[in-house]
Amino acid sequence: LPVVRLGPALGLGDAPDSADHPLNIVVVRADGARFALVVDEVHDSEEI
């Protein structure tokens, strides 16, 4: 799966490398293609 880091994609910069933090990936689908979106944290689902 192609990897997209959310921070650089939005112009927020990449997270500093750290061996103490897990890697959180949200696998998403767009126009039939799936890719891995790397985020800092994943919270609950809500109705917005």
ModelCIF file with pLDDT and N, C-alpha, C, O atoms, coordinates in Angstrom:
data_MODEL
#
_entry.id   MODEL 
#
_entity.id                         1 
_entity.type                       polymer 
_entity.pdbx_number_of_molecules   1 
#
_entity_poly.entity_id                      1 
_entity_poly.type                           'polypeptide(L)' 
_entity_poly.nstd_linkage                   no 
_entity_poly.nstd_monomer                   no 
_entity_poly.pdbx_seq_one_letter_code       LPVVRLGPALGLGDAPDSADHPLNIVVVRADGARFALVVDEVHDSEEI 
_entity_poly.pdbx_seq_one_letter_code_can   LPVVRLGPALGLGDAPDSADHPLNIVVVRADGARFALVVDEVHDSEEI 
_entity_poly.pdbx_strand_id                 A 
#
loop_
_entity_poly_seq.entity_id 
_entity_poly_seq.num 
_entity_poly_seq.mon_id 
_entity_poly_seq.hetero 
1 1  LEU n 
1 2  PRO n 
1 3  VAL n 
1 4  VAL n 
1 5  ARG n 
1 6  LEU n 
1 7  GLY n 
1 8  PRO n 
1 9  ALA n 
1 10 LEU n 
1 11 GLY n 
1 12 LEU n 
1 13 GLY n 
1 14 ASP n 
1 15 ALA n 
1 16 PRO n 
1 17 ASP n 
1 18 SER n 
1 19 ALA n 
1 20 ASP n 
1 21 HIS n 
1 22 PRO n 
1 23 LEU n 
1 24 ASN n 
1 25 ILE n 
1 26 VAL n 
1 27 VAL n 
1 28 VAL n 
1 29 ARG n 
1 30 ALA n 
1 31 ASP n 
1 32 GLY n 
1 33 ALA n 
1 34 ARG n 
1 35 PHE n 
1 36 ALA n 
1 37 LEU n 
1 38 VAL n 
1 39 VAL n 
1 40 ASP n 
1 41 GLU n 
1 42 VAL n 
1 43 HIS n 
1 44 ASP n 
1 45 SER n 
1 46 GLU n 
1 47 GLU n 
1 48 ILE n 
#
_struct_asym.id          A 
_struct_asym.entity_id   1 
#
loop_
_ma_qa_metric.id 
_ma_qa_metric.mode 
_ma_qa_metric.name 
_ma_qa_metric.software_group_id 
_ma_qa_metric.type 
1 global pLDDT . pLDDT 
2 local  pLDDT . pLDDT 
#
_ma_qa_metric_global.metric_id      1 
_ma_qa_metric_global.metric_value   85.23 
_ma_qa_metric_global.model_id       1 
_ma_qa_metric_global.ordinal_id     1 
#
loop_
_ma_qa_metric_local.label_asym_id 
_ma_qa_metric_local.label_comp_id 
_ma_qa_metric_local.label_seq_id 
_ma_qa_metric_local.metric_id 
_ma_qa_metric_local.metric_value 
_ma_qa_metric_local.model_id 
_ma_qa_metric_local.ordinal_id 
A LEU 1  2 89.00 1 1  
A PRO 2  2 90.00 1 2  
A VAL 3  2 91.00 1 3  
A VAL 4  2 91.00 1 4  
A ARG 5  2 91.00 1 5  
A LEU 6  2 92.00 1 6  
A GLY 7  2 90.00 1 7  
A PRO 8  2 90.00 1 8  
A ALA 9  2 89.00 1 9  
A LEU 10 2 90.00 1 10 
A GLY 11 2 88.00 1 11 
A LEU 12 2 85.00 1 12 
A GLY 13 2 80.00 1 13 
A ASP 14 2 76.00 1 14 
A ALA 15 2 70.00 1 15 
A PRO 16 2 67.00 1 16 
A ASP 17 2 63.00 1 17 
A SER 18 2 60.00 1 18 
A ALA 19 2 64.00 1 19 
A ASP 20 2 74.00 1 20 
A HIS 21 2 81.00 1 21 
A PRO 22 2 87.00 1 22 
A LEU 23 2 89.00 1 23 
A ASN 24 2 92.00 1 24 
A ILE 25 2 93.00 1 25 
A VAL 26 2 94.00 1 26 
A VAL 27 2 93.00 1 27 
A VAL 28 2 92.00 1 28 
A ARG 29 2 86.00 1 29 
A ALA 30 2 77.00 1 30 
A ASP 31 2 64.00 1 31 
A GLY 32 2 66.00 1 32 
A ALA 33 2 78.00 1 33 
A ARG 34 2 87.00 1 34 
A PHE 35 2 91.00 1 35 
A ALA 36 2 92.00 1 36 
A LEU 37 2 93.00 1 37 
A VAL 38 2 92.00 1 38 
A VAL 39 2 93.00 1 39 
A ASP 40 2 91.00 1 40 
A GLU 41 2 92.00 1 41 
A VAL 42 2 93.00 1 42 
A HIS 43 2 92.00 1 43 
A ASP 44 2 91.00 1 44 
A SER 45 2 91.00 1 45 
A GLU 46 2 91.00 1 46 
A GLU 47 2 90.00 1 47 
A ILE 48 2 90.00 1 48 
#
loop_
_atom_site.group_PDB 
_atom_site.id 
_atom_site.type_symbol 
_atom_site.label_atom_id 
_atom_site.label_alt_id 
_atom_site.label_comp_id 
_atom_site.label_asym_id 
_atom_site.label_entity_id 
_atom_site.label_seq_id 
_atom_site.pdbx_PDB_ins_code 
_atom_site.Cartn_x 
_atom_site.Cartn_y 
_atom_site.Cartn_z 
_atom_site.occupancy 
_atom_site.B_iso_or_equiv 
_atom_site.pdbx_formal_charge 
_atom_site.auth_seq_id 
_atom_site.auth_comp_id 
_atom_site.auth_asym_id 
_atom_site.auth_atom_id 
_atom_site.pdbx_PDB_model_num 
ATOM 1   N N  . LEU A 1 1  ? 0.841   -1.192 0.000  1.00 89.00 ? 1  LEU A N  1 
ATOM 2   C CA . LEU A 1 1  ? 0.000   0.000  0.000  1.00 89.00 ? 1  LEU A CA 1 
ATOM 3   C C  . LEU A 1 1  ? 0.878   1.244  0.000  1.00 89.00 ? 1  LEU A C  1 
ATOM 4   O O  . LEU A 1 1  ? 1.804   1.332  0.806  1.00 89.00 ? 1  LEU A O  1 
ATOM 5   N N  . PRO A 1 2  ? 0.619   2.202  -0.873 1.00 90.00 ? 2  PRO A N  1 
ATOM 6   C CA . PRO A 1 2  ? 1.364   3.469  -0.815 1.00 90.00 ? 2  PRO A CA 1 
ATOM 7   C C  . PRO A 1 2  ? 1.152   4.137  0.543  1.00 90.00 ? 2  PRO A C  1 
ATOM 8   O O  . PRO A 1 2  ? 0.074   4.037  1.128  1.00 90.00 ? 2  PRO A O  1 
ATOM 9   N N  . VAL A 1 3  ? 2.168   4.804  1.031  1.00 91.00 ? 3  VAL A N  1 
ATOM 10  C CA . VAL A 1 3  ? 2.119   5.456  2.343  1.00 91.00 ? 3  VAL A CA 1 
ATOM 11  C C  . VAL A 1 3  ? 2.063   6.971  2.158  1.00 91.00 ? 3  VAL A C  1 
ATOM 12  O O  . VAL A 1 3  ? 2.861   7.557  1.426  1.00 91.00 ? 3  VAL A O  1 
ATOM 13  N N  . VAL A 1 4  ? 1.106   7.583  2.835  1.00 91.00 ? 4  VAL A N  1 
ATOM 14  C CA . VAL A 1 4  ? 0.984   9.046  2.861  1.00 91.00 ? 4  VAL A CA 1 
ATOM 15  C C  . VAL A 1 4  ? 1.049   9.481  4.313  1.00 91.00 ? 4  VAL A C  1 
ATOM 16  O O  . VAL A 1 4  ? 0.201   9.099  5.119  1.00 91.00 ? 4  VAL A O  1 
ATOM 17  N N  . ARG A 1 5  ? 2.046   10.276 4.646  1.00 91.00 ? 5  ARG A N  1 
ATOM 18  C CA . ARG A 1 5  ? 2.154   10.813 5.997  1.00 91.00 ? 5  ARG A CA 1 
ATOM 19  C C  . ARG A 1 5  ? 1.346   12.098 6.062  1.00 91.00 ? 5  ARG A C  1 
ATOM 20  O O  . ARG A 1 5  ? 1.599   13.040 5.311  1.00 91.00 ? 5  ARG A O  1 
ATOM 21  N N  . LEU A 1 6  ? 0.366   12.128 6.970  1.00 92.00 ? 6  LEU A N  1 
ATOM 22  C CA . LEU A 1 6  ? -0.585  13.228 7.003  1.00 92.00 ? 6  LEU A CA 1 
ATOM 23  C C  . LEU A 1 6  ? 0.095   14.566 7.287  1.00 92.00 ? 6  LEU A C  1 
ATOM 24  O O  . LEU A 1 6  ? -0.277  15.583 6.702  1.00 92.00 ? 6  LEU A O  1 
ATOM 25  N N  . GLY A 1 7  ? 1.089   14.577 8.178  1.00 90.00 ? 7  GLY A N  1 
ATOM 26  C CA . GLY A 1 7  ? 1.758   15.827 8.525  1.00 90.00 ? 7  GLY A CA 1 
ATOM 27  C C  . GLY A 1 7  ? 2.370   16.523 7.320  1.00 90.00 ? 7  GLY A C  1 
ATOM 28  O O  . GLY A 1 7  ? 2.011   17.666 7.038  1.00 90.00 ? 7  GLY A O  1 
ATOM 29  N N  . PRO A 1 8  ? 3.287   15.872 6.593  1.00 90.00 ? 8  PRO A N  1 
ATOM 30  C CA . PRO A 1 8  ? 3.864   16.512 5.402  1.00 90.00 ? 8  PRO A CA 1 
ATOM 31  C C  . PRO A 1 8  ? 2.824   16.805 4.325  1.00 90.00 ? 8  PRO A C  1 
ATOM 32  O O  . PRO A 1 8  ? 2.931   17.814 3.629  1.00 90.00 ? 8  PRO A O  1 
ATOM 33  N N  . ALA A 1 9  ? 1.811   15.933 4.173  1.00 89.00 ? 9  ALA A N  1 
ATOM 34  C CA . ALA A 1 9  ? 0.802   16.158 3.139  1.00 89.00 ? 9  ALA A CA 1 
ATOM 35  C C  . ALA A 1 9  ? 0.020   17.445 3.383  1.00 89.00 ? 9  ALA A C  1 
ATOM 36  O O  . ALA A 1 9  ? -0.400  18.106 2.433  1.00 89.00 ? 9  ALA A O  1 
ATOM 37  N N  . LEU A 1 10 ? -0.177  17.802 4.650  1.00 90.00 ? 10 LEU A N  1 
ATOM 38  C CA . LEU A 1 10 ? -0.917  19.015 4.987  1.00 90.00 ? 10 LEU A CA 1 
ATOM 39  C C  . LEU A 1 10 ? -0.007  20.202 5.247  1.00 90.00 ? 10 LEU A C  1 
ATOM 40  O O  . LEU A 1 10 ? -0.473  21.283 5.608  1.00 90.00 ? 10 LEU A O  1 
ATOM 41  N N  . GLY A 1 11 ? 1.313   19.999 5.061  1.00 88.00 ? 11 GLY A N  1 
ATOM 42  C CA . GLY A 1 11 ? 2.252   21.094 5.294  1.00 88.00 ? 11 GLY A CA 1 
ATOM 43  C C  . GLY A 1 11 ? 2.533   21.345 6.759  1.00 88.00 ? 11 GLY A C  1 
ATOM 44  O O  . GLY A 1 11 ? 2.965   22.438 7.128  1.00 88.00 ? 11 GLY A O  1 
ATOM 45  N N  . LEU A 1 12 ? 2.293   20.342 7.607  1.00 85.00 ? 12 LEU A N  1 
ATOM 46  C CA . LEU A 1 12 ? 2.524   20.501 9.041  1.00 85.00 ? 12 LEU A CA 1 
ATOM 47  C C  . LEU A 1 12 ? 3.878   19.975 9.479  1.00 85.00 ? 12 LEU A C  1 
ATOM 48  O O  . LEU A 1 12 ? 4.243   20.097 10.649 1.00 85.00 ? 12 LEU A O  1 
ATOM 49  N N  . GLY A 1 13 ? 4.629   19.392 8.553  1.00 80.00 ? 13 GLY A N  1 
ATOM 50  C CA . GLY A 1 13 ? 5.918   18.830 8.904  1.00 80.00 ? 13 GLY A CA 1 
ATOM 51  C C  . GLY A 1 13 ? 5.796   17.411 9.418  1.00 80.00 ? 13 GLY A C  1 
ATOM 52  O O  . GLY A 1 13 ? 4.733   16.998 9.882  1.00 80.00 ? 13 GLY A O  1 
ATOM 53  N N  . ASP A 1 14 ? 6.896   16.660 9.334  1.00 76.00 ? 14 ASP A N  1 
ATOM 54  C CA . ASP A 1 14 ? 6.885   15.271 9.772  1.00 76.00 ? 14 ASP A CA 1 
ATOM 55  C C  . ASP A 1 14 ? 7.188   15.202 11.260 1.00 76.00 ? 14 ASP A C  1 
ATOM 56  O O  . ASP A 1 14 ? 7.812   16.104 11.820 1.00 76.00 ? 14 ASP A O  1 
ATOM 57  N N  . ALA A 1 15 ? 6.745   14.132 11.890 1.00 70.00 ? 15 ALA A N  1 
ATOM 58  C CA . ALA A 1 15 ? 6.991   13.937 13.316 1.00 70.00 ? 15 ALA A CA 1 
ATOM 59  C C  . ALA A 1 15 ? 8.451   13.550 13.521 1.00 70.00 ? 15 ALA A C  1 
ATOM 60  O O  . ALA A 1 15 ? 9.024   12.852 12.683 1.00 70.00 ? 15 ALA A O  1 
ATOM 61  N N  . PRO A 1 16 ? 9.063   13.988 14.615 1.00 67.00 ? 16 PRO A N  1 
ATOM 62  C CA . PRO A 1 16 ? 10.453  13.586 14.880 1.00 67.00 ? 16 PRO A CA 1 
ATOM 63  C C  . PRO A 1 16 ? 10.548  12.085 15.110 1.00 67.00 ? 16 PRO A C  1 
ATOM 64  O O  . PRO A 1 16 ? 9.658   11.477 15.704 1.00 67.00 ? 16 PRO A O  1 
ATOM 65  N N  . ASP A 1 17 ? 11.629  11.505 14.635 1.00 63.00 ? 17 ASP A N  1 
ATOM 66  C CA . ASP A 1 17 ? 11.834  10.063 14.813 1.00 63.00 ? 17 ASP A CA 1 
ATOM 67  C C  . ASP A 1 17 ? 11.964  9.736  16.294 1.00 63.00 ? 17 ASP A C  1 
ATOM 68  O O  . ASP A 1 17 ? 12.712  10.381 17.028 1.00 63.00 ? 17 ASP A O  1 
ATOM 69  N N  . SER A 1 18 ? 11.234  8.742  16.705 1.00 60.00 ? 18 SER A N  1 
ATOM 70  C CA . SER A 1 18 ? 11.287  8.314  18.098 1.00 60.00 ? 18 SER A CA 1 
ATOM 71  C C  . SER A 1 18 ? 11.029  6.820  18.161 1.00 60.00 ? 18 SER A C  1 
ATOM 72  O O  . SER A 1 18 ? 10.126  6.301  17.505 1.00 60.00 ? 18 SER A O  1 
ATOM 73  N N  . ALA A 1 19 ? 11.835  6.140  18.959 1.00 64.00 ? 19 ALA A N  1 
ATOM 74  C CA . ALA A 1 19 ? 11.680  4.695  19.103 1.00 64.00 ? 19 ALA A CA 1 
ATOM 75  C C  . ALA A 1 19 ? 10.650  4.339  20.161 1.00 64.00 ? 19 ALA A C  1 
ATOM 76  O O  . ALA A 1 19 ? 10.395  3.161  20.413 1.00 64.00 ? 19 ALA A O  1 
ATOM 77  N N  . ASP A 1 20 ? 10.050  5.365  20.787 1.00 74.00 ? 20 ASP A N  1 
ATOM 78  C CA . ASP A 1 20 ? 9.108   5.101  21.876 1.00 74.00 ? 20 ASP A CA 1 
ATOM 79  C C  . ASP A 1 20 ? 7.656   5.218  21.446 1.00 74.00 ? 20 ASP A C  1 
ATOM 80  O O  . ASP A 1 20 ? 6.756   4.940  22.239 1.00 74.00 ? 20 ASP A O  1 
ATOM 81  N N  . HIS A 1 21 ? 7.409   5.623  20.207 1.00 81.00 ? 21 HIS A N  1 
ATOM 82  C CA . HIS A 1 21 ? 6.036   5.849  19.770 1.00 81.00 ? 21 HIS A CA 1 
ATOM 83  C C  . HIS A 1 21 ? 5.629   4.785  18.747 1.00 81.00 ? 21 HIS A C  1 
ATOM 84  O O  . HIS A 1 21 ? 6.411   4.455  17.855 1.00 81.00 ? 21 HIS A O  1 
ATOM 85  N N  . PRO A 1 22 ? 4.422   4.254  18.869 1.00 87.00 ? 22 PRO A N  1 
ATOM 86  C CA . PRO A 1 22 ? 3.944   3.294  17.861 1.00 87.00 ? 22 PRO A CA 1 
ATOM 87  C C  . PRO A 1 22 ? 3.610   4.010  16.560 1.00 87.00 ? 22 PRO A C  1 
ATOM 88  O O  . PRO A 1 22 ? 3.549   5.238  16.501 1.00 87.00 ? 22 PRO A O  1 
ATOM 89  N N  . LEU A 1 23 ? 3.400   3.222  15.532 1.00 89.00 ? 23 LEU A N  1 
ATOM 90  C CA . LEU A 1 23 ? 3.036   3.753  14.219 1.00 89.00 ? 23 LEU A CA 1 
ATOM 91  C C  . LEU A 1 23 ? 1.541   3.507  14.014 1.00 89.00 ? 23 LEU A C  1 
ATOM 92  O O  . LEU A 1 23 ? 1.089   2.362  13.999 1.00 89.00 ? 23 LEU A O  1 
ATOM 93  N N  . ASN A 1 24 ? 0.781   4.588  13.855 1.00 92.00 ? 24 ASN A N  1 
ATOM 94  C CA . ASN A 1 24 ? -0.672  4.490  13.659 1.00 92.00 ? 24 ASN A CA 1 
ATOM 95  C C  . ASN A 1 24 ? -0.995  4.698  12.194 1.00 92.00 ? 24 ASN A C  1 
ATOM 96  O O  . ASN A 1 24 ? -0.672  5.735  11.615 1.00 92.00 ? 24 ASN A O  1 
ATOM 97  N N  . ILE A 1 25 ? -1.638  3.703  11.600 1.00 93.00 ? 25 ILE A N  1 
ATOM 98  C CA . ILE A 1 25 ? -1.953  3.737  10.176 1.00 93.00 ? 25 ILE A CA 1 
ATOM 99  C C  . ILE A 1 25 ? -3.463  3.578  10.004 1.00 93.00 ? 25 ILE A C  1 
ATOM 100 O O  . ILE A 1 25 ? -4.083  2.680  10.573 1.00 93.00 ? 25 ILE A O  1 
ATOM 101 N N  . VAL A 1 26 ? -4.032  4.475  9.203  1.00 94.00 ? 26 VAL A N  1 
ATOM 102 C CA . VAL A 1 26 ? -5.440  4.359  8.810  1.00 94.00 ? 26 VAL A CA 1 
ATOM 103 C C  . VAL A 1 26 ? -5.466  3.952  7.344  1.00 94.00 ? 26 VAL A C  1 
ATOM 104 O O  . VAL A 1 26 ? -5.061  4.725  6.476  1.00 94.00 ? 26 VAL A O  1 
ATOM 105 N N  . VAL A 1 27 ? -5.936  2.751  7.067  1.00 93.00 ? 27 VAL A N  1 
ATOM 106 C CA . VAL A 1 27 ? -6.038  2.289  5.687  1.00 93.00 ? 27 VAL A CA 1 
ATOM 107 C C  . VAL A 1 27 ? -7.333  2.841  5.100  1.00 93.00 ? 27 VAL A C  1 
ATOM 108 O O  . VAL A 1 27 ? -8.426  2.537  5.579  1.00 93.00 ? 27 VAL A O  1 
ATOM 109 N N  . VAL A 1 28 ? -7.195  3.650  4.066  1.00 92.00 ? 28 VAL A N  1 
ATOM 110 C CA . VAL A 1 28 ? -8.355  4.314  3.471  1.00 92.00 ? 28 VAL A CA 1 
ATOM 111 C C  . VAL A 1 28 ? -8.462  3.950  2.003  1.00 92.00 ? 28 VAL A C  1 
ATOM 112 O O  . VAL A 1 28 ? -7.513  3.459  1.390  1.00 92.00 ? 28 VAL A O  1 
ATOM 113 N N  . ARG A 1 29 ? -9.658  4.208  1.447  1.00 86.00 ? 29 ARG A N  1 
ATOM 114 C CA . ARG A 1 29 ? -9.937  3.885  0.055  1.00 86.00 ? 29 ARG A CA 1 
ATOM 115 C C  . ARG A 1 29 ? -10.326 5.156  -0.673 1.00 86.00 ? 29 ARG A C  1 
ATOM 116 O O  . ARG A 1 29 ? -11.126 5.948  -0.174 1.00 86.00 ? 29 ARG A O  1 
ATOM 117 N N  . ALA A 1 30 ? -9.751  5.352  -1.867 1.00 77.00 ? 30 ALA A N  1 
ATOM 118 C CA . ALA A 1 30 ? -10.073 6.522  -2.689 1.00 77.00 ? 30 ALA A CA 1 
ATOM 119 C C  . ALA A 1 30 ? -10.096 6.110  -4.140 1.00 77.00 ? 30 ALA A C  1 
ATOM 120 O O  . ALA A 1 30 ? -9.088  5.646  -4.672 1.00 77.00 ? 30 ALA A O  1 
ATOM 121 N N  . ASP A 1 31 ? -11.265 6.276  -4.804 1.00 64.00 ? 31 ASP A N  1 
ATOM 122 C CA . ASP A 1 31 ? -11.405 5.956  -6.223 1.00 64.00 ? 31 ASP A CA 1 
ATOM 123 C C  . ASP A 1 31 ? -10.934 4.548  -6.543 1.00 64.00 ? 31 ASP A C  1 
ATOM 124 O O  . ASP A 1 31 ? -10.295 4.324  -7.571 1.00 64.00 ? 31 ASP A O  1 
ATOM 125 N N  . GLY A 1 32 ? -11.245 3.595  -5.664 1.00 66.00 ? 32 GLY A N  1 
ATOM 126 C CA . GLY A 1 32 ? -10.885 2.205  -5.895 1.00 66.00 ? 32 GLY A CA 1 
ATOM 127 C C  . GLY A 1 32 ? -9.488  1.837  -5.463 1.00 66.00 ? 32 GLY A C  1 
ATOM 128 O O  . GLY A 1 32 ? -9.149  0.654  -5.449 1.00 66.00 ? 32 GLY A O  1 
ATOM 129 N N  . ALA A 1 33 ? -8.655  2.814  -5.107 1.00 78.00 ? 33 ALA A N  1 
ATOM 130 C CA . ALA A 1 33 ? -7.286  2.548  -4.670 1.00 78.00 ? 33 ALA A CA 1 
ATOM 131 C C  . ALA A 1 33 ? -7.196  2.681  -3.153 1.00 78.00 ? 33 ALA A C  1 
ATOM 132 O O  . ALA A 1 33 ? -7.808  3.570  -2.561 1.00 78.00 ? 33 ALA A O  1 
ATOM 133 N N  . ARG A 1 34 ? -6.441  1.801  -2.540 1.00 87.00 ? 34 ARG A N  1 
ATOM 134 C CA . ARG A 1 34 ? -6.240  1.858  -1.098 1.00 87.00 ? 34 ARG A CA 1 
ATOM 135 C C  . ARG A 1 34 ? -4.838  2.366  -0.801 1.00 87.00 ? 34 ARG A C  1 
ATOM 136 O O  . ARG A 1 34 ? -3.893  2.066  -1.531 1.00 87.00 ? 34 ARG A O  1 
ATOM 137 N N  . PHE A 1 35 ? -4.706  3.136  0.274  1.00 91.00 ? 35 PHE A N  1 
ATOM 138 C CA . PHE A 1 35 ? -3.381  3.582  0.695  1.00 91.00 ? 35 PHE A CA 1 
ATOM 139 C C  . PHE A 1 35 ? -3.359  3.722  2.205  1.00 91.00 ? 35 PHE A C  1 
ATOM 140 O O  . PHE A 1 35 ? -4.406  3.772  2.851  1.00 91.00 ? 35 PHE A O  1 
ATOM 141 N N  . ALA A 1 36 ? -2.150  3.784  2.765  1.00 92.00 ? 36 ALA A N  1 
ATOM 142 C CA . ALA A 1 36 ? -1.952  3.850  4.205  1.00 92.00 ? 36 ALA A CA 1 
ATOM 143 C C  . ALA A 1 36 ? -1.690  5.292  4.611  1.00 92.00 ? 36 ALA A C  1 
ATOM 144 O O  . ALA A 1 36 ? -0.721  5.905  4.164  1.00 92.00 ? 36 ALA A O  1 
ATOM 145 N N  . LEU A 1 37 ? -2.551  5.824  5.452  1.00 93.00 ? 37 LEU A N  1 
ATOM 146 C CA . LEU A 1 37 ? -2.426  7.191  5.938  1.00 93.00 ? 37 LEU A CA 1 
ATOM 147 C C  . LEU A 1 37 ? -1.845  7.139  7.344  1.00 93.00 ? 37 LEU A C  1 
ATOM 148 O O  . LEU A 1 37 ? -2.475  6.612  8.261  1.00 93.00 ? 37 LEU A O  1 
ATOM 149 N N  . VAL A 1 38 ? -0.644  7.686  7.516  1.00 92.00 ? 38 VAL A N  1 
ATOM 150 C CA . VAL A 1 38 ? 0.051   7.660  8.796  1.00 92.00 ? 38 VAL A CA 1 
ATOM 151 C C  . VAL A 1 38 ? -0.333  8.898  9.599  1.00 92.00 ? 38 VAL A C  1 
ATOM 152 O O  . VAL A 1 38 ? -0.153  10.020 9.128  1.00 92.00 ? 38 VAL A O  1 
ATOM 153 N N  . VAL A 1 39 ? -0.858  8.705  10.802 1.00 93.00 ? 39 VAL A N  1 
ATOM 154 C CA . VAL A 1 39 ? -1.279  9.794  11.683 1.00 93.00 ? 39 VAL A CA 1 
ATOM 155 C C  . VAL A 1 39 ? -0.574  9.631  13.021 1.00 93.00 ? 39 VAL A C  1 
ATOM 156 O O  . VAL A 1 39 ? 0.013   8.586  13.305 1.00 93.00 ? 39 VAL A O  1 
ATOM 157 N N  . ASP A 1 40 ? -0.638  10.675 13.837 1.00 91.00 ? 40 ASP A N  1 
ATOM 158 C CA . ASP A 1 40 ? 0.004   10.618 15.158 1.00 91.00 ? 40 ASP A CA 1 
ATOM 159 C C  . ASP A 1 40 ? -0.825  9.804  16.146 1.00 91.00 ? 40 ASP A C  1 
ATOM 160 O O  . ASP A 1 40 ? -0.284  8.962  16.864 1.00 91.00 ? 40 ASP A O  1 
ATOM 161 N N  . GLU A 1 41 ? -2.147  10.050 16.189 1.00 92.00 ? 41 GLU A N  1 
ATOM 162 C CA . GLU A 1 41 ? -3.014  9.351  17.130 1.00 92.00 ? 41 GLU A CA 1 
ATOM 163 C C  . GLU A 1 41 ? -4.349  9.054  16.461 1.00 92.00 ? 41 GLU A C  1 
ATOM 164 O O  . GLU A 1 41 ? -4.773  9.748  15.537 1.00 92.00 ? 41 GLU A O  1 
ATOM 165 N N  . VAL A 1 42 ? -4.997  8.006  16.952 1.00 93.00 ? 42 VAL A N  1 
ATOM 166 C CA . VAL A 1 42 ? -6.334  7.649  16.498 1.00 93.00 ? 42 VAL A CA 1 
ATOM 167 C C  . VAL A 1 42 ? -7.267  7.705  17.696 1.00 93.00 ? 42 VAL A C  1 
ATOM 168 O O  . VAL A 1 42 ? -7.032  7.044  18.707 1.00 93.00 ? 42 VAL A O  1 
ATOM 169 N N  . HIS A 1 43 ? -8.334  8.501  17.578 1.00 92.00 ? 43 HIS A N  1 
ATOM 170 C CA . HIS A 1 43 ? -9.308  8.634  18.659 1.00 92.00 ? 43 HIS A CA 1 
ATOM 171 C C  . HIS A 1 43 ? -10.576 7.852  18.302 1.00 92.00 ? 43 HIS A C  1 
ATOM 172 O O  . HIS A 1 43 ? -10.576 7.017  17.397 1.00 92.00 ? 43 HIS A O  1 
ATOM 173 N N  . ASP A 1 44 ? -11.635 8.139  19.021 1.00 91.00 ? 44 ASP A N  1 
ATOM 174 C CA . ASP A 1 44 ? -12.883 7.405  18.815 1.00 91.00 ? 44 ASP A CA 1 
ATOM 175 C C  . ASP A 1 44 ? -13.602 7.896  17.552 1.00 91.00 ? 44 ASP A C  1 
ATOM 176 O O  . ASP A 1 44 ? -13.222 8.895  16.942 1.00 91.00 ? 44 ASP A O  1 
ATOM 177 N N  . SER A 1 45 ? -14.647 7.159  17.186 1.00 91.00 ? 45 SER A N  1 
ATOM 178 C CA . SER A 1 45 ? -15.531 7.575  16.097 1.00 91.00 ? 45 SER A CA 1 
ATOM 179 C C  . SER A 1 45 ? -16.657 8.423  16.677 1.00 91.00 ? 45 SER A C  1 
ATOM 180 O O  . SER A 1 45 ? -17.132 8.163  17.782 1.00 91.00 ? 45 SER A O  1 
ATOM 181 N N  . GLU A 1 46 ? -17.076 9.424  15.938 1.00 91.00 ? 46 GLU A N  1 
ATOM 182 C CA . GLU A 1 46 ? -18.158 10.302 16.360 1.00 91.00 ? 46 GLU A CA 1 
ATOM 183 C C  . GLU A 1 46 ? -19.032 10.627 15.159 1.00 91.00 ? 46 GLU A C  1 
ATOM 184 O O  . GLU A 1 46 ? -18.595 10.532 14.012 1.00 91.00 ? 46 GLU A O  1 
ATOM 185 N N  . GLU A 1 47 ? -20.253 11.006 15.435 1.00 90.00 ? 47 GLU A N  1 
ATOM 186 C CA . GLU A 1 47 ? -21.125 11.529 14.391 1.00 90.00 ? 47 GLU A CA 1 
ATOM 187 C C  . GLU A 1 47 ? -20.962 13.041 14.369 1.00 90.00 ? 47 GLU A C  1 
ATOM 188 O O  . GLU A 1 47 ? -21.146 13.709 15.387 1.00 90.00 ? 47 GLU A O  1 
ATOM 189 N N  . ILE A 1 48 ? -20.620 13.573 13.212 1.00 90.00 ? 48 ILE A N  1 
ATOM 190 C CA . ILE A 1 48 ? -20.317 15.000 13.103 1.00 90.00 ? 48 ILE A CA 1 
ATOM 191 C C  . ILE A 1 48 ? -21.264 15.656 12.111 1.00 90.00 ? 48 ILE A C  1 
ATOM 192 O O  . ILE A 1 48 ? -21.173 16.861 11.876 1.00 90.00 ? 48 ILE A O  1 
#
